[in-house]
Amino acid sequence: MRNAAAQGGVRYRLAVVLILLVLPTLALSQGPEIHGENSVFAGHGVAIAWGVLKGQTEEQTQVILRIIPTDTSFAAVRIEGVDPFTQSRRVIIDGRPLHDRLDVRTPRGTFADFPRREIRLYRTDADWQAHKPSVTIFYLGLPDTTPEFTSEAALFTYLDEALAKVQGAGQGKKP
């Protein structure tokens, strides 16, 4: 009888320790962080493509990021620029619905101070308001493979074709 009580006490303490270890993880519910790597990416419920629209000057040059949901997993998206040294953050877009397609324009110069881009995807509006992304896709600066265009029409044609190609290769796979 005493041995059974001791085992029960050990189980209880073990259960408490496990709960204490798991609760912080459940409370954060941040979801995985995935490195986007290339200028065209597909996986985790989205397809992403980058392009650069060259301006007359460097200050006028724009980076276009296109995000297309490949399923109905996400209600909202938030994009942040991050300084990897200080961890300072700059909100690029703060919670937009992710319906058919989202194009995000930022001056290329913003990558100098905030080179890391985090695309935070939220399953519900409540998750977005609580800052609990289901998945974060990050880039360590503008991908090296990002093409540059002098015409907006050529850039948008490229984005359409690149995303159609990667989606045709199979949703949920990286190119």
N, C-alpha and C. Protein backbone atom coordinates (compact mmCIF):
# COMPACT_ATOMS: atom_id res chain seq x y z
N MET A 1 0.83 -1.19 0.00
CA MET A 1 0.00 0.00 0.00
C MET A 1 0.88 1.26 0.00
N ARG A 2 1.93 1.25 0.83
CA ARG A 2 2.81 2.40 0.93
C ARG A 2 3.54 2.63 -0.39
N ASN A 3 3.95 1.59 -1.07
CA ASN A 3 4.64 1.66 -2.35
C ASN A 3 3.72 2.29 -3.40
N ALA A 4 2.45 1.92 -3.40
CA ALA A 4 1.48 2.49 -4.35
C ALA A 4 1.31 3.97 -4.10
N ALA A 5 1.27 4.39 -2.84
CA ALA A 5 1.14 5.81 -2.51
C ALA A 5 2.39 6.58 -2.96
N ALA A 6 3.56 5.98 -2.76
CA ALA A 6 4.80 6.63 -3.19
C ALA A 6 4.85 6.79 -4.70
N GLN A 7 4.42 5.74 -5.41
CA GLN A 7 4.39 5.82 -6.88
C GLN A 7 3.41 6.89 -7.33
N GLY A 8 2.28 6.98 -6.64
CA GLY A 8 1.30 8.02 -6.97
C GLY A 8 1.87 9.41 -6.78
N GLY A 9 2.65 9.60 -5.69
CA GLY A 9 3.29 10.89 -5.43
C GLY A 9 4.31 11.24 -6.49
N VAL A 10 5.07 10.23 -6.91
CA VAL A 10 6.07 10.45 -7.97
C VAL A 10 5.38 10.83 -9.27
N ARG A 11 4.32 10.12 -9.60
CA ARG A 11 3.56 10.43 -10.83
C ARG A 11 3.00 11.85 -10.77
N TYR A 12 2.48 12.21 -9.61
CA TYR A 12 1.92 13.56 -9.45
C TYR A 12 2.99 14.62 -9.67
N ARG A 13 4.16 14.44 -9.05
CA ARG A 13 5.25 15.41 -9.22
C ARG A 13 5.74 15.45 -10.65
N LEU A 14 5.84 14.29 -11.28
CA LEU A 14 6.24 14.23 -12.68
C LEU A 14 5.23 14.97 -13.55
N ALA A 15 3.95 14.76 -13.29
CA ALA A 15 2.91 15.45 -14.05
C ALA A 15 3.02 16.96 -13.87
N VAL A 16 3.26 17.43 -12.66
CA VAL A 16 3.40 18.87 -12.39
C VAL A 16 4.60 19.43 -13.15
N VAL A 17 5.73 18.72 -13.11
CA VAL A 17 6.92 19.18 -13.83
C VAL A 17 6.64 19.26 -15.33
N LEU A 18 6.00 18.26 -15.90
CA LEU A 18 5.69 18.28 -17.32
C LEU A 18 4.76 19.44 -17.67
N ILE A 19 3.77 19.67 -16.84
CA ILE A 19 2.85 20.78 -17.09
C ILE A 19 3.60 22.10 -17.05
N LEU A 20 4.48 22.28 -16.08
CA LEU A 20 5.25 23.51 -15.98
C LEU A 20 6.18 23.71 -17.17
N LEU A 21 6.67 22.62 -17.73
CA LEU A 21 7.53 22.72 -18.91
C LEU A 21 6.73 23.00 -20.18
N VAL A 22 5.54 22.46 -20.28
CA VAL A 22 4.74 22.58 -21.49
C VAL A 22 3.93 23.87 -21.53
N LEU A 23 3.47 24.37 -20.39
CA LEU A 23 2.62 25.55 -20.38
C LEU A 23 3.22 26.76 -21.08
N PRO A 24 4.49 27.11 -20.82
CA PRO A 24 5.03 28.26 -21.53
C PRO A 24 5.00 28.07 -23.04
N THR A 25 5.26 26.88 -23.51
CA THR A 25 5.22 26.60 -24.95
C THR A 25 3.81 26.76 -25.49
N LEU A 26 2.84 26.23 -24.78
CA LEU A 26 1.46 26.36 -25.23
C LEU A 26 1.00 27.81 -25.18
N ALA A 27 1.45 28.55 -24.17
CA ALA A 27 1.04 29.95 -24.04
C ALA A 27 1.57 30.78 -25.20
N LEU A 28 2.80 30.49 -25.62
CA LEU A 28 3.37 31.26 -26.72
C LEU A 28 2.72 30.91 -28.04
N SER A 29 2.53 29.64 -28.31
CA SER A 29 1.90 29.18 -29.55
C SER A 29 2.41 29.92 -30.77
N GLN A 30 3.69 30.08 -30.87
CA GLN A 30 4.25 30.86 -31.96
C GLN A 30 4.33 30.10 -33.28
N GLY A 31 4.27 28.82 -33.26
CA GLY A 31 4.38 28.07 -34.50
C GLY A 31 5.81 28.06 -34.99
N PRO A 32 6.08 27.27 -36.02
CA PRO A 32 7.46 27.15 -36.51
C PRO A 32 7.93 28.38 -37.27
N GLU A 33 9.24 28.56 -37.31
CA GLU A 33 9.87 29.56 -38.16
C GLU A 33 10.53 28.83 -39.31
N ILE A 34 10.22 29.24 -40.53
CA ILE A 34 10.71 28.60 -41.74
C ILE A 34 11.54 29.61 -42.53
N HIS A 35 12.75 29.20 -42.92
CA HIS A 35 13.59 30.08 -43.74
C HIS A 35 13.12 30.02 -45.18
N GLY A 36 12.72 31.17 -45.72
CA GLY A 36 12.21 31.24 -47.09
C GLY A 36 13.27 30.98 -48.15
N GLU A 37 14.49 31.32 -47.89
CA GLU A 37 15.67 31.03 -48.70
C GLU A 37 15.70 31.70 -50.07
N ASN A 38 14.78 31.35 -50.97
CA ASN A 38 14.84 31.83 -52.36
C ASN A 38 13.80 32.90 -52.65
N SER A 39 13.94 33.53 -53.80
CA SER A 39 12.99 34.58 -54.18
C SER A 39 11.62 34.03 -54.55
N VAL A 40 11.51 32.72 -54.73
CA VAL A 40 10.21 32.07 -54.95
C VAL A 40 10.14 30.90 -53.97
N PHE A 41 9.05 30.86 -53.22
CA PHE A 41 8.89 29.88 -52.15
C PHE A 41 7.45 29.39 -52.16
N ALA A 42 7.26 28.12 -51.91
CA ALA A 42 5.91 27.59 -51.70
C ALA A 42 5.98 26.57 -50.58
N GLY A 43 5.07 26.69 -49.66
CA GLY A 43 5.00 25.75 -48.56
C GLY A 43 4.23 26.33 -47.40
N HIS A 44 3.79 25.47 -46.52
CA HIS A 44 3.10 25.88 -45.30
C HIS A 44 1.86 26.74 -45.57
N GLY A 45 1.20 26.49 -46.70
CA GLY A 45 -0.06 27.17 -47.00
C GLY A 45 0.03 28.46 -47.78
N VAL A 46 1.25 28.83 -48.22
CA VAL A 46 1.41 30.05 -49.01
C VAL A 46 2.43 29.85 -50.12
N ALA A 47 2.34 30.72 -51.10
CA ALA A 47 3.38 30.84 -52.13
C ALA A 47 3.84 32.30 -52.10
N ILE A 48 5.14 32.51 -52.20
CA ILE A 48 5.73 33.84 -52.06
C ILE A 48 6.71 34.07 -53.20
N ALA A 49 6.69 35.28 -53.74
CA ALA A 49 7.68 35.67 -54.75
C ALA A 49 8.11 37.11 -54.50
N TRP A 50 9.38 37.37 -54.78
CA TRP A 50 9.98 38.69 -54.63
C TRP A 50 10.39 39.22 -56.00
N GLY A 51 10.34 40.51 -56.15
CA GLY A 51 10.87 41.17 -57.33
C GLY A 51 11.26 42.59 -56.98
N VAL A 52 12.14 43.18 -57.78
CA VAL A 52 12.59 44.55 -57.56
C VAL A 52 12.19 45.38 -58.76
N LEU A 53 11.56 46.53 -58.49
CA LEU A 53 11.20 47.49 -59.52
C LEU A 53 12.20 48.64 -59.43
N LYS A 54 13.13 48.68 -60.39
CA LYS A 54 14.17 49.70 -60.39
C LYS A 54 13.57 51.07 -60.65
N GLY A 55 13.97 52.03 -59.83
CA GLY A 55 13.56 53.41 -60.02
C GLY A 55 14.67 54.20 -60.70
N GLN A 56 14.40 55.47 -60.94
CA GLN A 56 15.41 56.35 -61.53
C GLN A 56 16.60 56.52 -60.57
N THR A 57 16.30 56.44 -59.27
CA THR A 57 17.35 56.52 -58.24
C THR A 57 17.17 55.33 -57.29
N GLU A 58 18.17 55.09 -56.48
CA GLU A 58 18.07 54.01 -55.50
C GLU A 58 16.93 54.27 -54.51
N GLU A 59 16.71 55.53 -54.16
CA GLU A 59 15.63 55.88 -53.24
C GLU A 59 14.25 55.55 -53.83
N GLN A 60 14.14 55.53 -55.15
CA GLN A 60 12.87 55.23 -55.81
C GLN A 60 12.69 53.73 -56.11
N THR A 61 13.73 52.94 -55.90
CA THR A 61 13.66 51.51 -56.18
C THR A 61 12.82 50.82 -55.12
N GLN A 62 11.86 50.01 -55.58
CA GLN A 62 10.91 49.33 -54.70
C GLN A 62 11.10 47.82 -54.75
N VAL A 63 10.92 47.19 -53.58
CA VAL A 63 10.89 45.74 -53.50
C VAL A 63 9.42 45.34 -53.40
N ILE A 64 9.01 44.42 -54.26
CA ILE A 64 7.63 43.93 -54.26
C ILE A 64 7.66 42.50 -53.75
N LEU A 65 6.87 42.24 -52.73
CA LEU A 65 6.71 40.92 -52.15
C LEU A 65 5.26 40.52 -52.40
N ARG A 66 5.07 39.42 -53.10
CA ARG A 66 3.71 38.92 -53.38
C ARG A 66 3.49 37.64 -52.59
N ILE A 67 2.38 37.60 -51.87
CA ILE A 67 2.01 36.43 -51.07
C ILE A 67 0.66 35.95 -51.56
N ILE A 68 0.57 34.66 -51.85
CA ILE A 68 -0.68 34.04 -52.29
C ILE A 68 -0.96 32.85 -51.39
N PRO A 69 -2.15 32.82 -50.78
CA PRO A 69 -2.48 31.63 -50.00
C PRO A 69 -2.72 30.44 -50.93
N THR A 70 -2.21 29.27 -50.55
CA THR A 70 -2.44 28.07 -51.37
C THR A 70 -3.53 27.20 -50.78
N ASP A 71 -4.03 27.59 -49.63
CA ASP A 71 -5.20 26.94 -49.04
C ASP A 71 -5.88 27.98 -48.14
N THR A 72 -6.81 27.57 -47.34
CA THR A 72 -7.56 28.52 -46.51
C THR A 72 -7.07 28.51 -45.06
N SER A 73 -5.80 28.23 -44.85
CA SER A 73 -5.27 28.11 -43.49
C SER A 73 -5.17 29.42 -42.74
N PHE A 74 -5.02 30.54 -43.44
CA PHE A 74 -4.66 31.78 -42.75
C PHE A 74 -5.68 32.89 -42.99
N ALA A 75 -5.99 33.59 -41.91
CA ALA A 75 -6.92 34.71 -41.97
C ALA A 75 -6.19 36.03 -42.13
N ALA A 76 -4.97 36.12 -41.58
CA ALA A 76 -4.27 37.40 -41.57
C ALA A 76 -2.77 37.19 -41.69
N VAL A 77 -2.10 38.27 -42.09
CA VAL A 77 -0.65 38.28 -42.22
C VAL A 77 -0.12 39.59 -41.66
N ARG A 78 1.05 39.50 -41.04
CA ARG A 78 1.77 40.68 -40.54
C ARG A 78 3.20 40.53 -41.02
N ILE A 79 3.80 41.62 -41.46
CA ILE A 79 5.18 41.58 -41.92
C ILE A 79 5.99 42.57 -41.10
N GLU A 80 7.12 42.09 -40.60
CA GLU A 80 8.01 42.93 -39.81
C GLU A 80 9.40 42.91 -40.41
N GLY A 81 10.09 44.04 -40.32
CA GLY A 81 11.51 44.11 -40.60
C GLY A 81 12.24 44.04 -39.27
N VAL A 82 13.35 43.32 -39.24
CA VAL A 82 14.07 43.12 -37.98
C VAL A 82 15.55 43.42 -38.19
N ASP A 83 16.12 44.16 -37.24
CA ASP A 83 17.56 44.37 -37.20
C ASP A 83 18.14 43.17 -36.46
N PRO A 84 18.93 42.32 -37.11
CA PRO A 84 19.41 41.10 -36.45
C PRO A 84 20.39 41.36 -35.31
N PHE A 85 20.97 42.54 -35.24
CA PHE A 85 21.95 42.84 -34.19
C PHE A 85 21.29 43.36 -32.93
N THR A 86 20.33 44.27 -33.08
CA THR A 86 19.67 44.87 -31.91
C THR A 86 18.32 44.23 -31.61
N GLN A 87 17.80 43.44 -32.55
CA GLN A 87 16.46 42.84 -32.47
C GLN A 87 15.36 43.89 -32.53
N SER A 88 15.69 45.13 -32.91
CA SER A 88 14.67 46.16 -33.12
C SER A 88 13.78 45.72 -34.26
N ARG A 89 12.50 46.05 -34.15
CA ARG A 89 11.51 45.64 -35.15
C ARG A 89 10.81 46.86 -35.73
N ARG A 90 10.47 46.73 -37.00
CA ARG A 90 9.68 47.76 -37.67
C ARG A 90 8.53 47.05 -38.37
N VAL A 91 7.33 47.48 -38.10
CA VAL A 91 6.16 46.88 -38.73
C VAL A 91 6.08 47.38 -40.17
N ILE A 92 6.06 46.45 -41.11
CA ILE A 92 5.91 46.79 -42.53
C ILE A 92 4.42 46.83 -42.86
N ILE A 93 3.70 45.78 -42.51
CA ILE A 93 2.23 45.80 -42.54
C ILE A 93 1.74 45.12 -41.27
N ASP A 94 0.71 45.69 -40.69
CA ASP A 94 0.22 45.18 -39.41
C ASP A 94 -1.16 44.56 -39.60
N GLY A 95 -1.16 43.28 -39.82
CA GLY A 95 -2.41 42.54 -39.88
C GLY A 95 -3.33 42.91 -41.02
N ARG A 96 -3.14 42.25 -42.12
CA ARG A 96 -4.04 42.39 -43.27
C ARG A 96 -4.66 41.04 -43.55
N PRO A 97 -5.89 41.05 -44.03
CA PRO A 97 -6.49 39.77 -44.43
C PRO A 97 -5.69 39.16 -45.58
N LEU A 98 -5.61 37.85 -45.59
CA LEU A 98 -4.91 37.16 -46.66
C LEU A 98 -5.95 36.38 -47.46
N HIS A 99 -6.50 37.07 -48.47
CA HIS A 99 -7.55 36.46 -49.28
C HIS A 99 -6.93 35.80 -50.52
N ASP A 100 -6.95 36.50 -51.64
CA ASP A 100 -6.45 35.96 -52.90
C ASP A 100 -4.96 36.20 -53.07
N ARG A 101 -4.56 37.44 -52.81
CA ARG A 101 -3.18 37.83 -53.08
C ARG A 101 -2.89 39.12 -52.32
N LEU A 102 -1.66 39.25 -51.89
CA LEU A 102 -1.23 40.47 -51.21
C LEU A 102 0.09 40.90 -51.80
N ASP A 103 0.15 42.11 -52.31
CA ASP A 103 1.39 42.70 -52.79
C ASP A 103 1.84 43.74 -51.77
N VAL A 104 3.10 43.64 -51.34
CA VAL A 104 3.66 44.55 -50.37
C VAL A 104 4.84 45.26 -51.01
N ARG A 105 4.78 46.59 -51.02
CA ARG A 105 5.86 47.42 -51.58
C ARG A 105 6.64 48.07 -50.46
N THR A 106 7.95 47.97 -50.53
CA THR A 106 8.80 48.68 -49.59
C THR A 106 10.00 49.23 -50.34
N PRO A 107 10.48 50.39 -49.95
CA PRO A 107 11.71 50.89 -50.56
C PRO A 107 12.86 49.92 -50.28
N ARG A 108 13.69 49.69 -51.29
CA ARG A 108 14.81 48.78 -51.10
C ARG A 108 15.73 49.25 -49.97
N GLY A 109 15.80 50.55 -49.77
CA GLY A 109 16.65 51.10 -48.71
C GLY A 109 16.28 50.63 -47.31
N THR A 110 15.03 50.20 -47.10
CA THR A 110 14.63 49.75 -45.76
C THR A 110 15.35 48.47 -45.34
N PHE A 111 15.91 47.74 -46.30
CA PHE A 111 16.64 46.52 -45.97
C PHE A 111 18.00 46.82 -45.32
N ALA A 112 18.48 48.06 -45.41
CA ALA A 112 19.76 48.40 -44.80
C ALA A 112 19.67 48.34 -43.28
N ASP A 113 18.61 48.89 -42.69
CA ASP A 113 18.48 48.92 -41.24
C ASP A 113 17.69 47.73 -40.69
N PHE A 114 16.79 47.19 -41.50
CA PHE A 114 15.94 46.08 -41.06
C PHE A 114 15.96 44.98 -42.12
N PRO A 115 17.10 44.29 -42.26
CA PRO A 115 17.24 43.34 -43.37
C PRO A 115 16.42 42.06 -43.23
N ARG A 116 16.19 41.60 -42.02
CA ARG A 116 15.41 40.37 -41.85
C ARG A 116 13.94 40.71 -42.03
N ARG A 117 13.27 39.94 -42.88
CA ARG A 117 11.83 40.10 -43.07
C ARG A 117 11.14 38.87 -42.51
N GLU A 118 10.15 39.11 -41.66
CA GLU A 118 9.35 38.04 -41.08
C GLU A 118 7.92 38.16 -41.58
N ILE A 119 7.46 37.13 -42.24
CA ILE A 119 6.08 37.05 -42.71
C ILE A 119 5.35 36.17 -41.71
N ARG A 120 4.55 36.79 -40.87
CA ARG A 120 3.86 36.08 -39.79
C ARG A 120 2.44 35.78 -40.23
N LEU A 121 2.08 34.51 -40.24
CA LEU A 121 0.78 34.07 -40.73
C LEU A 121 -0.08 33.59 -39.56
N TYR A 122 -1.33 34.07 -39.52
CA TYR A 122 -2.24 33.80 -38.41
C TYR A 122 -3.47 33.06 -38.91
N ARG A 123 -3.86 32.03 -38.20
CA ARG A 123 -5.04 31.24 -38.57
C ARG A 123 -6.34 32.02 -38.35
N THR A 124 -6.38 32.84 -37.30
CA THR A 124 -7.60 33.60 -36.99
C THR A 124 -7.25 35.05 -36.69
N ASP A 125 -8.26 35.91 -36.73
CA ASP A 125 -8.05 37.31 -36.33
C ASP A 125 -7.66 37.39 -34.86
N ALA A 126 -8.23 36.50 -34.03
CA ALA A 126 -7.89 36.49 -32.60
C ALA A 126 -6.41 36.16 -32.41
N ASP A 127 -5.88 35.23 -33.19
CA ASP A 127 -4.44 34.91 -33.12
C ASP A 127 -3.62 36.12 -33.51
N TRP A 128 -4.04 36.84 -34.56
CA TRP A 128 -3.31 38.04 -34.98
C TRP A 128 -3.32 39.08 -33.86
N GLN A 129 -4.47 39.32 -33.27
CA GLN A 129 -4.56 40.32 -32.21
C GLN A 129 -3.75 39.92 -30.99
N ALA A 130 -3.59 38.63 -30.76
CA ALA A 130 -2.78 38.13 -29.63
C ALA A 130 -1.31 37.96 -30.02
N HIS A 131 -0.96 38.27 -31.26
CA HIS A 131 0.42 38.12 -31.77
C HIS A 131 0.91 36.69 -31.62
N LYS A 132 0.07 35.73 -32.03
CA LYS A 132 0.42 34.31 -31.98
C LYS A 132 0.35 33.71 -33.38
N PRO A 133 1.43 33.90 -34.17
CA PRO A 133 1.42 33.36 -35.53
C PRO A 133 1.44 31.84 -35.54
N SER A 134 0.78 31.27 -36.52
CA SER A 134 0.81 29.82 -36.71
C SER A 134 2.11 29.40 -37.36
N VAL A 135 2.63 30.26 -38.22
CA VAL A 135 3.91 30.00 -38.88
C VAL A 135 4.53 31.35 -39.23
N THR A 136 5.86 31.41 -39.18
CA THR A 136 6.60 32.60 -39.59
C THR A 136 7.58 32.16 -40.67
N ILE A 137 7.51 32.82 -41.81
CA ILE A 137 8.48 32.57 -42.88
C ILE A 137 9.40 33.78 -42.90
N PHE A 138 10.70 33.53 -42.75
CA PHE A 138 11.62 34.65 -42.65
C PHE A 138 12.67 34.60 -43.76
N TYR A 139 13.17 35.77 -44.06
CA TYR A 139 14.24 35.95 -45.04
C TYR A 139 15.33 36.78 -44.38
N LEU A 140 16.57 36.40 -44.60
CA LEU A 140 17.71 37.13 -44.05
C LEU A 140 18.18 38.15 -45.07
N GLY A 141 17.33 39.12 -45.33
CA GLY A 141 17.59 40.13 -46.35
C GLY A 141 16.84 39.79 -47.62
N LEU A 142 16.98 40.62 -48.60
CA LEU A 142 16.38 40.39 -49.91
C LEU A 142 17.09 39.20 -50.54
N PRO A 143 16.35 38.17 -50.96
CA PRO A 143 17.03 36.99 -51.52
C PRO A 143 17.93 37.36 -52.71
N ASP A 144 19.10 36.73 -52.77
CA ASP A 144 20.06 36.98 -53.85
C ASP A 144 19.48 36.68 -55.22
N THR A 145 18.53 35.76 -55.28
CA THR A 145 17.96 35.34 -56.56
C THR A 145 16.83 36.24 -57.04
N THR A 146 16.58 37.35 -56.33
CA THR A 146 15.47 38.25 -56.70
C THR A 146 15.80 39.01 -57.98
N PRO A 147 14.96 38.86 -59.01
CA PRO A 147 15.21 39.58 -60.26
C PRO A 147 14.80 41.05 -60.16
N GLU A 148 15.44 41.87 -61.00
CA GLU A 148 15.15 43.30 -61.06
C GLU A 148 14.53 43.63 -62.41
N PHE A 149 13.56 44.55 -62.38
CA PHE A 149 12.83 44.96 -63.58
C PHE A 149 12.77 46.47 -63.65
N THR A 150 12.69 46.98 -64.86
CA THR A 150 12.54 48.43 -65.05
C THR A 150 11.10 48.80 -65.36
N SER A 151 10.26 47.79 -65.61
CA SER A 151 8.85 48.06 -65.89
C SER A 151 7.97 47.29 -64.92
N GLU A 152 6.96 47.98 -64.41
CA GLU A 152 6.02 47.34 -63.48
C GLU A 152 5.28 46.18 -64.15
N ALA A 153 4.92 46.35 -65.41
CA ALA A 153 4.20 45.29 -66.14
C ALA A 153 5.07 44.02 -66.23
N ALA A 154 6.35 44.18 -66.54
CA ALA A 154 7.24 43.01 -66.63
C ALA A 154 7.41 42.35 -65.26
N LEU A 155 7.51 43.16 -64.22
CA LEU A 155 7.64 42.61 -62.86
C LEU A 155 6.40 41.81 -62.48
N PHE A 156 5.21 42.36 -62.72
CA PHE A 156 3.98 41.67 -62.34
C PHE A 156 3.77 40.41 -63.18
N THR A 157 4.17 40.44 -64.44
CA THR A 157 4.09 39.23 -65.27
C THR A 157 5.01 38.15 -64.70
N TYR A 158 6.22 38.56 -64.33
CA TYR A 158 7.16 37.60 -63.72
C TYR A 158 6.57 37.00 -62.44
N LEU A 159 6.04 37.83 -61.54
CA LEU A 159 5.48 37.34 -60.28
C LEU A 159 4.34 36.35 -60.55
N ASP A 160 3.45 36.70 -61.49
CA ASP A 160 2.34 35.80 -61.83
C ASP A 160 2.85 34.45 -62.34
N GLU A 161 3.81 34.49 -63.26
CA GLU A 161 4.33 33.26 -63.86
C GLU A 161 5.13 32.42 -62.86
N ALA A 162 5.94 33.07 -62.05
CA ALA A 162 6.76 32.34 -61.07
C ALA A 162 5.87 31.65 -60.04
N LEU A 163 4.83 32.33 -59.60
CA LEU A 163 3.94 31.72 -58.60
C LEU A 163 3.07 30.64 -59.22
N ALA A 164 2.64 30.83 -60.46
CA ALA A 164 1.86 29.77 -61.14
C ALA A 164 2.72 28.53 -61.32
N LYS A 165 3.98 28.73 -61.67
CA LYS A 165 4.89 27.60 -61.88
C LYS A 165 5.12 26.84 -60.58
N VAL A 166 5.41 27.55 -59.50
CA VAL A 166 5.69 26.86 -58.23
C VAL A 166 4.43 26.20 -57.68
N GLN A 167 3.28 26.78 -57.91
CA GLN A 167 2.03 26.15 -57.46
C GLN A 167 1.73 24.92 -58.31
N GLY A 168 2.05 24.98 -59.58
CA GLY A 168 1.84 23.83 -60.45
C GLY A 168 2.77 22.67 -60.13
N ALA A 169 3.92 23.00 -59.50
CA ALA A 169 4.88 21.94 -59.13
C ALA A 169 4.42 21.16 -57.92
N GLY A 170 3.34 21.61 -57.31
CA GLY A 170 2.82 20.90 -56.14
C GLY A 170 2.77 21.78 -54.93
N GLN A 171 1.61 22.03 -54.43
CA GLN A 171 1.47 22.88 -53.26
C GLN A 171 2.13 22.24 -52.07
N GLY A 172 2.71 23.09 -51.23
CA GLY A 172 3.33 22.60 -50.03
C GLY A 172 4.77 22.18 -50.21
N LYS A 173 5.32 22.34 -51.40
CA LYS A 173 6.72 21.99 -51.63
C LYS A 173 7.50 23.25 -51.94
N LYS A 174 8.73 23.27 -51.49
CA LYS A 174 9.60 24.38 -51.83
C LYS A 174 10.12 24.17 -53.24
N PRO A 175 10.29 25.26 -54.01
CA PRO A 175 10.81 25.11 -55.36
C PRO A 175 12.25 24.64 -55.37
